[in-house]
């Protein structure tokens, strides 16, 4: 079995591009990423997660009293704890609308593509490509959403707020840092589709992307600031794995519901 394990390990390493010393920073992130590694952390952060939620999950996993409990049950417990943690960080006004009723979601009702505060935590594929010297494009499998990250520091000027806002990026060592402003009020995952909230037009997002040493995973730490919605900045995290074999297909399968039941949210 050791020989087989070694062959599998070599095959996996062969699928991960080498991070050569002479490689440009953008090339280290370029390519296709997709659903996270099948680990407790990866499963918990399939949409978004927090350090507080992860700490709760790890405490449950490390407790011998939980050895007979299935992982899904422990994950549900930790997610419930995490949602209450996030609820406490909302302003009183935002808390009255949390969790957001999915029956009021324009993506569900009208097939309206997700805005940036949901899109950055979308499941499945994320493709990163350099588009000339001054732009990086992020393309998402969910809704086939696309974002342009400007690398030349240009500011939005007097442009009206939009669903994706205006994003500028820079490199800090091996980390790619994106600052987004000019975002119209919309919906945010707190931390997933079962517990969504709302943000105002004051939202500012700072995203920090880093690739693992072995090249096999991409991590996002996003800090969201919105004085009208959050009592303090929210820090949400996400993980993708390297998936060069995958492709993004046109998103044309959305169907508008013929019947809507309101109030179908989890506590």
Foldseek 3Di string as FASTA:
>chain_A
DVVVVVVVVVVVLVLFDDPDPPDDLLVLVAFKWAQFDPDLVSVLLQQKADPQLVVQLVVLVPDPVCPPPDSVVSSVVSVVVLLVVQLVFWDPVQNVCKQPKVLPACCQAPVDAAFQQRQVRDHTMWGWDDDPDFWIWIFDLRQRDIDIEGAPPDDPPPDAQDRHAHWYWDDDDSKIKIKGASHAKDKHPSGDPLIITIAHNGKIKIWIWHADPSRFKIKIWIWIDGVNTGVHIDIMMHMITHDNPDDRDNPDPRDRDPDGDTPPHDD
